[in-house]
Protein backbone atom coordinates (compact mmCIF):
# COMPACT_ATOMS: atom_id res chain seq x y z
CA MET A 1 7.12 8.41 -12.92
CA THR A 2 10.83 9.09 -12.55
CA ARG A 3 12.69 10.72 -15.40
CA ALA A 4 13.58 7.27 -16.69
CA GLN A 5 9.92 6.39 -16.90
CA SER A 6 8.74 9.66 -18.44
CA SER A 7 8.89 8.25 -21.97
CA HIS A 8 5.69 6.39 -21.09
CA GLY A 9 3.92 9.72 -20.62
CA SER A 10 4.73 13.35 -20.02
CA PRO A 11 3.38 16.57 -18.53
CA GLY A 12 0.87 18.47 -20.61
CA PRO A 13 2.01 21.55 -22.56
CA LEU A 14 1.59 23.95 -19.60
CA ASN A 15 2.40 21.48 -16.78
CA LEU A 16 -0.64 22.94 -15.03
CA ILE A 17 -4.01 21.55 -14.00
CA THR A 18 -5.51 23.50 -16.91
CA ASP A 19 -3.94 20.97 -19.27
CA VAL A 20 -7.20 19.16 -18.52
CA ALA A 21 -9.21 20.65 -21.37
CA GLY A 22 -12.00 23.01 -20.34
CA LEU A 23 -10.63 23.88 -16.90
CA ARG A 24 -9.66 27.43 -15.97
CA VAL A 25 -7.93 28.79 -12.87
CA GLY A 26 -7.73 32.30 -11.47
CA ASN A 27 -5.77 33.84 -8.58
CA ALA A 28 -6.32 36.93 -6.48
CA SER A 29 -3.91 38.18 -3.82
CA ASP A 30 -3.71 40.93 -1.21
CA ALA A 31 -0.06 41.72 -0.49
CA GLY A 32 -0.85 43.80 2.60
CA ILE A 33 -2.84 41.06 4.26
CA ARG A 34 -0.50 38.35 2.83
CA THR A 35 -3.32 36.16 1.69
CA GLY A 36 -5.25 35.17 -1.40
CA VAL A 37 -7.76 32.99 -3.19
CA THR A 38 -7.55 30.49 -6.03
CA VAL A 39 -10.61 29.45 -8.04
CA LEU A 40 -10.99 26.54 -10.44
CA THR A 41 -13.96 26.53 -12.79
CA ALA A 42 -14.88 25.08 -16.17
CA GLU A 43 -16.90 25.78 -19.27
CA ALA A 44 -19.69 23.57 -17.87
CA PRO A 45 -20.51 22.02 -14.48
CA PHE A 46 -18.21 19.14 -13.57
CA THR A 47 -18.35 16.09 -11.34
CA CYS A 48 -16.53 16.35 -8.03
CA GLY A 49 -15.57 14.33 -4.97
CA VAL A 50 -13.57 15.13 -1.84
CA HIS A 51 -11.53 13.40 0.82
CA VAL A 52 -10.24 14.91 4.08
CA MET A 53 -7.32 13.39 6.01
CA GLY A 54 -6.17 16.27 8.18
CA GLY A 55 -7.46 16.72 11.70
CA ALA A 56 -8.35 20.43 11.45
CA PRO A 57 -10.23 21.09 8.19
CA GLY A 58 -12.22 24.16 7.24
CA THR A 59 -14.72 23.58 4.43
CA ARG A 60 -17.86 24.73 2.68
CA GLU A 61 -20.41 22.48 0.91
CA THR A 62 -18.31 19.32 1.08
CA ASP A 63 -21.22 17.21 2.37
CA LEU A 64 -23.04 17.55 -0.94
CA LEU A 65 -20.09 15.86 -2.71
CA ALA A 66 -20.95 12.45 -1.25
CA PRO A 67 -22.02 10.00 -4.00
CA ASP A 68 -25.57 9.64 -2.61
CA ARG A 69 -26.39 13.36 -2.67
CA THR A 70 -28.88 14.94 -5.08
CA VAL A 71 -26.45 17.40 -6.67
CA GLN A 72 -23.83 15.54 -8.70
CA GLN A 73 -21.90 18.42 -10.27
CA VAL A 74 -20.39 21.73 -9.19
CA ASP A 75 -19.73 25.07 -10.86
CA ALA A 76 -16.43 25.99 -9.21
CA LEU A 77 -14.01 25.03 -6.44
CA VAL A 78 -12.32 27.54 -4.14
CA LEU A 79 -9.04 27.33 -2.23
CA SER A 80 -8.54 30.25 0.15
CA GLY A 81 -6.36 31.64 2.88
CA GLY A 82 -7.88 33.33 5.90
CA SER A 83 -8.90 30.38 8.06
CA ALA A 84 -12.67 30.52 8.72
CA PHE A 85 -12.83 34.07 7.35
CA GLY A 86 -11.72 32.68 3.99
CA LEU A 87 -14.85 30.57 3.61
CA ASP A 88 -16.52 33.80 2.48
CA ALA A 89 -14.48 33.67 -0.74
CA ALA A 90 -16.87 31.05 -2.08
CA SER A 91 -19.76 33.47 -1.50
CA GLY A 92 -18.11 36.00 -3.79
CA VAL A 93 -17.62 33.31 -6.43
CA ALA A 94 -21.24 32.17 -6.08
CA ASP A 95 -22.53 35.73 -6.47
CA ALA A 96 -20.49 36.26 -9.63
CA LEU A 97 -21.57 32.92 -11.11
CA ALA A 98 -25.22 33.71 -10.37
CA ALA A 99 -24.84 36.99 -12.26
CA MET A 100 -23.61 34.92 -15.22
CA GLY A 101 -26.70 32.69 -15.07
CA ARG A 102 -24.67 29.72 -13.81
CA GLY A 103 -25.93 27.29 -11.18
CA PHE A 104 -28.07 24.28 -10.31
CA ALA A 105 -31.59 24.77 -11.67
CA VAL A 106 -34.40 24.76 -9.09
CA GLY A 107 -37.43 25.80 -11.08
CA PRO A 108 -36.64 29.28 -12.44
CA ALA A 109 -33.89 29.82 -9.84
CA ARG A 110 -30.20 29.08 -10.34
CA VAL A 111 -28.03 28.17 -7.36
CA PRO A 112 -24.28 28.07 -8.04
CA ILE A 113 -22.62 25.08 -6.35
CA VAL A 114 -19.24 26.24 -5.02
CA PRO A 115 -17.47 24.00 -2.49
CA GLY A 116 -14.40 25.44 -0.86
CA ALA A 117 -11.59 24.80 1.61
CA ILE A 118 -9.37 27.12 3.63
CA LEU A 119 -5.90 27.22 5.12
CA PHE A 120 -4.66 29.14 8.16
CA ASP A 121 -2.42 32.09 7.24
CA LEU A 122 -3.28 34.53 10.05
CA LEU A 123 0.19 34.45 11.68
CA ASN A 124 2.37 35.24 8.66
CA GLY A 125 3.09 38.92 9.35
CA GLY A 126 0.36 40.46 7.21
CA ASP A 127 -2.08 43.15 8.34
CA LYS A 128 -5.14 41.23 9.53
CA ASP A 129 -6.84 44.23 11.16
CA TRP A 130 -9.46 44.62 8.44
CA THR A 131 -12.80 46.33 9.03
CA GLU A 132 -14.56 44.21 6.40
CA ASN A 133 -13.87 40.60 5.50
CA PRO A 134 -11.86 40.82 2.24
CA TYR A 135 -12.41 37.27 1.02
CA LYS A 136 -15.70 37.77 -0.79
CA ARG A 137 -13.96 40.42 -2.92
CA LEU A 138 -10.94 38.20 -3.47
CA GLY A 139 -13.20 35.34 -4.55
CA ARG A 140 -14.84 37.51 -7.22
CA GLU A 141 -11.45 38.76 -8.40
CA ALA A 142 -10.07 35.24 -8.66
CA LEU A 143 -13.06 34.06 -10.67
CA ASN A 144 -12.76 37.04 -13.02
CA ALA A 145 -9.07 36.19 -13.56
CA CYS A 146 -9.75 32.56 -14.56
CA GLY A 147 -7.96 31.33 -17.65
CA PRO A 148 -5.69 28.56 -18.89
CA ASP A 149 -2.48 30.10 -17.51
CA PHE A 150 -1.84 31.36 -13.99
CA ASP A 151 1.02 32.17 -11.62
CA LEU A 152 2.54 29.70 -9.17
CA GLY A 153 4.53 30.25 -5.99
CA SER A 154 3.44 33.22 -3.86
CA SER A 155 0.11 33.67 -5.62
CA GLY A 156 -3.56 33.04 -4.96
CA ALA A 157 -4.26 30.83 -1.98
CA GLY A 158 -0.51 30.29 -1.59
CA THR A 159 0.29 34.01 -1.12
CA GLY A 160 0.81 33.83 2.63
CA ALA A 161 1.46 30.11 3.00
CA LEU A 162 4.27 28.72 5.16
CA THR A 163 5.77 25.30 5.82
CA ALA A 164 7.86 24.17 8.79
CA ASP A 165 10.97 26.06 7.69
CA LEU A 166 10.31 27.75 4.34
CA LYS A 167 7.62 29.77 2.63
CA GLY A 168 4.94 27.63 1.06
CA GLY A 169 2.95 28.60 -1.99
CA LEU A 170 0.74 27.57 -4.87
CA GLY A 171 1.85 24.69 -7.09
CA SER A 172 0.50 22.80 -10.07
CA ALA A 173 1.52 19.94 -12.35
CA SER A 174 0.01 17.68 -14.99
CA TYR A 175 0.57 14.32 -16.67
CA VAL A 176 -0.77 12.72 -19.83
CA LEU A 177 -1.14 8.96 -19.40
CA PRO A 178 -0.37 6.46 -22.17
CA SER A 179 -4.16 5.93 -22.37
CA GLY A 180 -4.49 9.56 -23.49
CA HIS A 181 -6.19 10.69 -20.27
CA THR A 182 -4.85 13.87 -18.70
CA VAL A 183 -4.49 14.35 -14.94
CA GLY A 184 -3.55 17.57 -13.17
CA ALA A 185 -3.17 18.94 -9.66
CA ILE A 186 -3.18 22.34 -8.00
CA VAL A 187 -2.25 22.81 -4.35
CA ALA A 188 -1.83 25.52 -1.72
CA VAL A 189 0.99 24.32 0.55
CA ASN A 190 0.78 25.63 4.12
CA ALA A 191 1.97 22.52 5.89
CA LEU A 192 2.94 21.86 9.49
CA GLY A 193 5.69 19.67 8.06
CA SER A 194 8.51 20.25 5.59
CA ALA A 195 8.74 19.74 1.83
CA THR A 196 12.54 19.46 1.97
CA VAL A 197 14.91 16.98 3.57
CA GLY A 198 16.73 17.97 6.76
CA GLY A 199 16.82 21.69 6.03
CA GLY A 200 18.69 21.15 2.77
CA PRO A 201 17.63 21.95 -0.80
CA HIS A 202 16.41 18.48 -1.77
CA PHE A 203 12.69 17.77 -1.97
CA TRP A 204 10.97 14.71 -0.56
CA ALA A 205 9.13 14.58 -3.91
CA ALA A 206 12.41 14.29 -5.88
CA PRO A 207 11.88 10.69 -7.11
CA PHE A 208 8.80 11.86 -9.01
CA GLU A 209 10.23 14.99 -10.65
CA ILE A 210 9.98 15.32 -14.43
CA GLY A 211 12.37 17.48 -16.44
CA GLY A 212 13.87 19.59 -13.67
CA GLU A 213 10.50 21.17 -12.83
CA PHE A 214 11.64 21.95 -9.29
CA GLY A 215 15.38 22.28 -9.73
CA GLY A 216 16.46 18.84 -10.90
CA LEU A 217 18.57 18.21 -7.79
CA GLY A 218 17.58 14.58 -7.43
CA ALA A 219 17.10 12.81 -4.11
CA ALA A 220 19.04 13.63 -0.95
CA ARG A 221 21.79 11.19 -0.03
CA GLU A 222 20.93 11.48 3.65
CA HIS A 223 17.36 11.65 4.94
CA GLY A 224 18.17 13.05 8.37
CA ASP A 225 16.02 12.20 11.37
CA VAL A 226 12.77 11.02 9.83
CA HIS A 227 11.57 9.89 13.27
CA THR A 228 11.56 13.47 14.60
CA PRO A 229 10.48 15.54 11.60
CA ARG A 230 10.79 19.31 11.29
CA THR A 231 7.46 21.00 12.09
CA LYS A 232 5.94 24.39 12.86
CA MET A 233 3.81 23.96 15.95
CA ASP A 234 2.05 27.33 15.98
CA GLY A 235 -1.45 25.94 15.45
CA GLY A 236 -1.87 27.18 11.89
CA ASN A 237 -1.39 24.77 9.02
CA THR A 238 -3.12 22.92 6.15
CA THR A 239 -2.43 21.79 2.60
CA ILE A 240 -5.47 21.99 0.34
CA ALA A 241 -5.55 20.67 -3.22
CA ILE A 242 -7.58 19.86 -6.30
CA VAL A 243 -6.80 17.01 -8.67
CA ALA A 244 -8.63 16.84 -11.98
CA THR A 245 -8.95 14.66 -15.04
CA ASP A 246 -10.74 14.50 -18.38
CA ALA A 247 -11.60 10.86 -17.65
CA ALA A 248 -15.33 10.21 -17.32
CA LEU A 249 -15.67 9.50 -13.60
CA ASP A 250 -18.82 9.45 -11.50
CA GLN A 251 -18.96 10.99 -8.04
CA ALA A 252 -17.92 7.77 -6.29
CA GLN A 253 -14.92 7.40 -8.60
CA CYS A 254 -13.97 11.04 -8.03
CA THR A 255 -14.05 10.36 -4.30
CA ARG A 256 -11.71 7.42 -4.84
CA LEU A 257 -9.43 9.66 -6.96
CA ALA A 258 -9.29 12.22 -4.15
CA THR A 259 -8.53 9.49 -1.61
CA ALA A 260 -5.68 8.02 -3.66
CA SER A 261 -4.24 11.48 -4.27
CA HIS A 262 -3.48 11.94 -0.58
CA ASP A 263 -0.55 9.57 -1.16
CA GLY A 264 1.06 12.48 -3.00
CA MET A 265 0.92 14.64 0.13
CA ALA A 266 2.55 11.89 2.18
CA ARG A 267 5.31 11.55 -0.43
CA ALA A 268 6.03 15.30 -0.56
CA LEU A 269 5.49 16.55 3.01
CA LEU A 270 6.90 15.14 6.23
CA PRO A 271 4.81 14.79 8.31
CA SER A 272 1.41 15.14 6.65
CA HIS A 273 -2.21 14.55 7.71
CA THR A 274 -1.49 15.61 11.29
CA PRO A 275 -4.08 16.59 13.93
CA MET A 276 -3.12 20.25 13.34
CA ASP A 277 -3.39 20.16 9.52
CA GLY A 278 -6.66 20.39 7.61
CA ASP A 279 -5.33 18.41 4.63
CA LEU A 280 -7.99 18.01 1.95
CA VAL A 281 -8.17 17.00 -1.72
CA PHE A 282 -11.01 17.74 -4.12
CA ALA A 283 -11.15 15.61 -7.27
CA ALA A 284 -12.84 16.90 -10.44
CA SER A 285 -13.82 15.18 -13.68
CA THR A 286 -14.83 16.93 -16.89
CA GLY A 287 -16.05 13.60 -18.30
CA ALA A 288 -14.59 14.16 -21.76
CA ARG A 289 -12.84 10.79 -22.24
CA PRO A 290 -14.35 7.36 -21.44
CA ILE A 291 -12.54 4.92 -19.17
CA ASP A 292 -12.12 1.17 -19.43
CA GLY A 293 -12.94 -0.25 -16.02
CA ALA A 294 -11.19 -0.46 -12.66
CA ARG A 295 -7.67 -0.54 -14.06
CA ASP A 296 -8.05 2.95 -15.54
CA VAL A 297 -9.39 4.24 -12.22
CA MET A 298 -6.36 2.75 -10.44
CA LEU A 299 -3.87 4.27 -12.88
CA LEU A 300 -5.60 7.65 -12.72
CA GLY A 301 -5.35 7.62 -8.92
CA HIS A 302 -1.65 6.78 -9.07
CA ALA A 303 -0.97 9.50 -11.63
CA ALA A 304 -2.95 12.06 -9.62
CA SER A 305 -1.02 11.27 -6.45
CA ILE A 306 2.30 11.81 -8.24
CA CYS A 307 1.05 15.03 -9.86
CA LEU A 308 0.14 16.27 -6.39
CA ALA A 309 3.60 15.43 -4.99
CA ARG A 310 5.24 17.29 -7.90
CA ALA A 311 2.89 20.26 -7.48
CA ILE A 312 3.76 20.53 -3.77
CA ALA A 313 7.47 20.72 -4.52
CA ARG A 314 6.88 23.28 -7.28
CA ALA A 315 4.86 25.44 -4.86
CA VAL A 316 7.76 25.70 -2.41
CA TRP A 317 10.44 25.99 -5.11
CA LEU A 318 8.66 28.90 -6.82
CA ALA A 319 7.76 30.89 -3.68
CA ARG A 320 8.95 34.50 -3.85
CA PRO A 321 10.32 36.71 -1.05
CA ALA A 322 8.43 39.69 0.37
CA PRO A 323 9.45 42.30 2.96
CA GLY A 324 8.91 41.10 6.51
CA ASP A 325 8.55 37.41 5.67
CA PRO A 326 8.68 35.29 8.84
CA LEU A 327 10.46 32.51 6.90
CA PRO A 328 12.80 32.49 3.91
CA CYS A 329 11.74 31.16 0.55
CA TRP A 330 13.57 28.19 -1.02
CA GLN A 331 15.29 30.37 -3.63
CA ASP A 332 16.76 32.71 -1.01
CA ARG A 333 17.98 29.98 1.30
CA HIS A 334 19.56 27.83 -1.39
CA GLY A 335 20.66 30.52 -3.84
CA ARG A 336 19.41 29.02 -7.06
CA ALA A 337 17.46 30.84 -9.78
CA GLY A 338 13.82 29.94 -10.20
CA ALA A 339 12.15 29.01 -13.46
């Protein structure tokens, strides 16, 4: 989906994952701690799958997303900073959903189903000397903020994110296929590797950019030393993402969508899926539009992978500076105005 190909489809009106009708996203951040939480939910429970390719994941309730499990739908998905402490964000979301009467029915009881994933942002300069885990609160705040529009860059789960040489962040993108199906992605980029080529301004994801959404610089002429990539070897990494569609997919097909979407990470981050990253993709389906066999599933996977690559570049491009940052943001290093 280069610019030359974009006449065959285009981003949705917001170029966000919420272009998939019925989905809502909310962010909550704590500037002092340099961390945050992002929540995706919907008007009704939705089908979900997951695939993990990083060697150091941190997750909650991902086992129940296997196609043979009893529960086939979820109420929300949570992306959080905080390493293992951040898993508590999903508890705050579950509590708030229960108060709304949401959840899987077990007799008269309702149990909200809230899978989550975390990234490591404990070495980014923020004040981590809390007396009470803040992530349950941040989870509730993010859920309460859910809507169709939301901030990118240094927001939500991307608040304290870093890459090898630049600040990371929260990114999102969407695409409407010629079939009429919509695909979207949201990602918190905290990668061991780099989203840009050789320390310059050009993004690895440049071939997939649509309409100058991350600067319109095009591809780098020189790729530098791809055999010895730029990395941050401090033990704290991970890129966590959600891809979503209105196509009617079952849990097995959602799992395949999540698996295919990892190609987008490999296209946008060098290296990706390392032993020190916890790279993970959730895939969600609202089920609003029928599909026509295996070809639609294939095209949805391809579109989702490219949306994820674009979202990763947007996350880094839109990151904002803050006092005491251990790394510069893209805008500061390369002196170009954001959008």
